[in-house]
Amino acid sequence: MEGRISAEIIGWGSAAVLLATLSRQVYSQWRDGTWRGVSRWLFVGQVSASIGFVVYSWLQGDGVFVVTNALILLTALAGQWIYIRNKKRHEARSAQPPEREVST
């Protein structure tokens, strides 16, 4: 019974992290009045929740959800990588002085 309770806590805890993360992203987009600009916390929360869901699914012995949640985890990691790459590219472009036109 104790193992079952521990598995349930991991599953519900992961669900809570995911819902809190998604809710925060929706709030940020609503507050900013834009659909652009994904928060890095979306990916941090998604990675955390996905790890919990993989463990939870494994403890439940559900191979389908282990694989599915592992793939969702990989998607979150890819999203985080893209977010960081795009942010660095934008910062690098912003740091460059504007080019001058050469008149002849």
C-alpha atoms as a PDB file:
ATOM      1  CA  MET A   1       0.000   0.000   0.000  1.00  0.00           C
ATOM      2  CA  GLU A   2       2.844   2.415   0.827  1.00  0.00           C
ATOM      3  CA  GLY A   3       4.420   1.953  -2.632  1.00  0.00           C
ATOM      4  CA  ARG A   4       1.072   2.701  -4.257  1.00  0.00           C
ATOM      5  CA  ILE A   5       0.729   5.936  -2.271  1.00  0.00           C
ATOM      6  CA  SER A   6       4.272   6.997  -3.257  1.00  0.00           C
ATOM      7  CA  ALA A   7       3.492   6.367  -6.931  1.00  0.00           C
ATOM      8  CA  GLU A   8       0.270   8.359  -6.649  1.00  0.00           C
ATOM      9  CA  ILE A   9       2.117  11.272  -5.027  1.00  0.00           C
ATOM     10  CA  ILE A  10       4.661  11.311  -7.890  1.00  0.00           C
ATOM     11  CA  GLY A  11       1.875  11.186 -10.496  1.00  0.00           C
ATOM     12  CA  TRP A  12      -0.305  13.890  -8.959  1.00  0.00           C
ATOM     13  CA  GLY A  13       2.727  16.032  -8.104  1.00  0.00           C
ATOM     14  CA  SER A  14       3.873  15.886 -11.714  1.00  0.00           C
ATOM     15  CA  ALA A  15       0.389  16.775 -12.902  1.00  0.00           C
ATOM     16  CA  ALA A  16       0.326  19.765 -10.544  1.00  0.00           C
ATOM     17  CA  VAL A  17       3.713  21.006 -11.807  1.00  0.00           C
ATOM     18  CA  LEU A  18       2.581  20.717 -15.418  1.00  0.00           C
ATOM     19  CA  LEU A  19      -0.708  22.512 -14.786  1.00  0.00           C
ATOM     20  CA  ALA A  20       0.989  25.272 -12.789  1.00  0.00           C
ATOM     21  CA  THR A  21       3.565  25.752 -15.541  1.00  0.00           C
ATOM     22  CA  LEU A  22       0.999  25.901 -18.321  1.00  0.00           C
ATOM     23  CA  SER A  23      -1.193  28.239 -16.278  1.00  0.00           C
ATOM     24  CA  ARG A  24       1.748  30.572 -15.701  1.00  0.00           C
ATOM     25  CA  GLN A  25       2.483  30.659 -19.430  1.00  0.00           C
ATOM     26  CA  VAL A  26      -1.127  31.450 -20.269  1.00  0.00           C
ATOM     27  CA  TYR A  27      -1.149  34.209 -17.636  1.00  0.00           C
ATOM     28  CA  SER A  28       2.095  35.701 -19.005  1.00  0.00           C
ATOM     29  CA  GLN A  29       0.746  35.744 -22.544  1.00  0.00           C
ATOM     30  CA  TRP A  30      -2.527  37.264 -21.363  1.00  0.00           C
ATOM     31  CA  ARG A  31      -0.727  39.902 -19.278  1.00  0.00           C
ATOM     32  CA  ASP A  32       1.606  40.847 -22.141  1.00  0.00           C
ATOM     33  CA  GLY A  33      -1.204  40.851 -24.676  1.00  0.00           C
ATOM     34  CA  THR A  34       0.747  38.662 -27.075  1.00  0.00           C
ATOM     35  CA  TRP A  35       0.864  35.128 -28.345  1.00  0.00           C
ATOM     36  CA  ARG A  36       4.622  35.361 -28.870  1.00  0.00           C
ATOM     37  CA  GLY A  37       7.473  34.840 -26.453  1.00  0.00           C
ATOM     38  CA  VAL A  38       7.401  31.494 -24.740  1.00  0.00           C
ATOM     39  CA  SER A  39       8.769  31.549 -21.209  1.00  0.00           C
ATOM     40  CA  ARG A  40      11.729  29.325 -20.400  1.00  0.00           C
ATOM     41  CA  TRP A  41       9.762  28.281 -17.303  1.00  0.00           C
ATOM     42  CA  LEU A  42       7.294  26.513 -19.586  1.00  0.00           C
ATOM     43  CA  PHE A  43      10.044  24.138 -20.647  1.00  0.00           C
ATOM     44  CA  VAL A  44      11.522  23.807 -17.144  1.00  0.00           C
ATOM     45  CA  GLY A  45       8.108  22.842 -15.781  1.00  0.00           C
ATOM     46  CA  GLN A  46       7.409  20.526 -18.705  1.00  0.00           C
ATOM     47  CA  VAL A  47      10.740  18.742 -18.221  1.00  0.00           C
ATOM     48  CA  SER A  48      10.116  18.381 -14.465  1.00  0.00           C
ATOM     49  CA  ALA A  49       6.581  17.091 -14.946  1.00  0.00           C
ATOM     50  CA  SER A  50       7.624  14.744 -17.760  1.00  0.00           C
ATOM     51  CA  ILE A  51      10.358  13.182 -15.629  1.00  0.00           C
ATOM     52  CA  GLY A  52       7.792  12.634 -12.883  1.00  0.00           C
ATOM     53  CA  PHE A  53       5.308  11.141 -15.338  1.00  0.00           C
ATOM     54  CA  VAL A  54       7.950   8.765 -16.747  1.00  0.00           C
ATOM     55  CA  VAL A  55       8.763   7.552 -13.209  1.00  0.00           C
ATOM     56  CA  TYR A  56       5.073   7.336 -12.326  1.00  0.00           C
ATOM     57  CA  SER A  57       4.274   5.347 -15.487  1.00  0.00           C
ATOM     58  CA  TRP A  58       7.205   3.015 -14.854  1.00  0.00           C
ATOM     59  CA  LEU A  59       6.090   2.429 -11.252  1.00  0.00           C
ATOM     60  CA  GLN A  60       2.609   1.645 -12.589  1.00  0.00           C
ATOM     61  CA  GLY A  61       4.116  -0.813 -15.081  1.00  0.00           C
ATOM     62  CA  ASP A  62       2.572   0.977 -18.045  1.00  0.00           C
ATOM     63  CA  GLY A  63       5.008   0.733 -20.970  1.00  0.00           C
ATOM     64  CA  VAL A  64       2.840   2.799 -23.286  1.00  0.00           C
ATOM     65  CA  PHE A  65       2.908   5.780 -20.969  1.00  0.00           C
ATOM     66  CA  VAL A  66       6.596   5.315 -20.182  1.00  0.00           C
ATOM     67  CA  VAL A  67       7.392   5.645 -23.892  1.00  0.00           C
ATOM     68  CA  THR A  68       4.867   8.427 -24.463  1.00  0.00           C
ATOM     69  CA  ASN A  69       6.072  10.481 -21.521  1.00  0.00           C
ATOM     70  CA  ALA A  70       9.712   9.882 -22.467  1.00  0.00           C
ATOM     71  CA  LEU A  71       8.955  11.288 -25.931  1.00  0.00           C
ATOM     72  CA  ILE A  72       7.193  14.279 -24.384  1.00  0.00           C
ATOM     73  CA  LEU A  73      10.298  14.781 -22.229  1.00  0.00           C
ATOM     74  CA  LEU A  74      12.486  14.791 -25.346  1.00  0.00           C
ATOM     75  CA  THR A  75      10.151  17.343 -26.908  1.00  0.00           C
ATOM     76  CA  ALA A  76      10.468  19.584 -23.846  1.00  0.00           C
ATOM     77  CA  LEU A  77      14.261  19.308 -23.946  1.00  0.00           C
ATOM     78  CA  ALA A  78      14.254  20.208 -27.643  1.00  0.00           C
ATOM     79  CA  GLY A  79      11.986  23.176 -26.899  1.00  0.00           C
ATOM     80  CA  GLN A  80      14.351  24.386 -24.185  1.00  0.00           C
ATOM     81  CA  TRP A  81      17.315  24.073 -26.550  1.00  0.00           C
ATOM     82  CA  ILE A  82      15.480  26.013 -29.276  1.00  0.00           C
ATOM     83  CA  TYR A  83      14.453  28.706 -26.797  1.00  0.00           C
ATOM     84  CA  ILE A  84      18.058  29.186 -25.621  1.00  0.00           C
ATOM     85  CA  ARG A  85      19.430  29.148 -29.176  1.00  0.00           C
ATOM     86  CA  ASN A  86      16.913  31.678 -30.419  1.00  0.00           C
ATOM     87  CA  LYS A  87      17.477  33.948 -27.435  1.00  0.00           C
ATOM     88  CA  LYS A  88      21.250  33.909 -27.956  1.00  0.00           C
ATOM     89  CA  ARG A  89      20.821  34.644 -31.673  1.00  0.00           C
ATOM     90  CA  HIS A  90      18.558  37.586 -30.918  1.00  0.00           C
ATOM     91  CA  GLU A  91      20.967  38.949 -28.306  1.00  0.00           C
ATOM     92  CA  ALA A  92      23.911  38.590 -30.708  1.00  0.00           C
ATOM     93  CA  ARG A  93      22.040  40.490 -33.443  1.00  0.00           C
ATOM     94  CA  SER A  94      20.988  43.195 -30.988  1.00  0.00           C
ATOM     95  CA  ALA A  95      24.568  43.681 -29.789  1.00  0.00           C
ATOM     96  CA  GLN A  96      25.933  44.365 -33.274  1.00  0.00           C
ATOM     97  CA  PRO A  97      26.127  48.011 -34.337  1.00  0.00           C
ATOM     98  CA  PRO A  98      24.041  48.904 -37.400  1.00  0.00           C
ATOM     99  CA  GLU A  99      25.896  48.806 -40.690  1.00  0.00           C
ATOM    100  CA  ARG A 100      26.653  52.114 -42.373  1.00  0.00           C
ATOM    101  CA  GLU A 101      26.000  52.722 -45.996  1.00  0.00           C
ATOM    102  CA  VAL A 102      29.072  53.652 -47.984  1.00  0.00           C
ATOM    103  CA  SER A 103      28.402  56.475 -50.403  1.00  0.00           C
ATOM    104  CA  THR A 104      30.387  56.663 -53.612  1.00  0.00           C
END
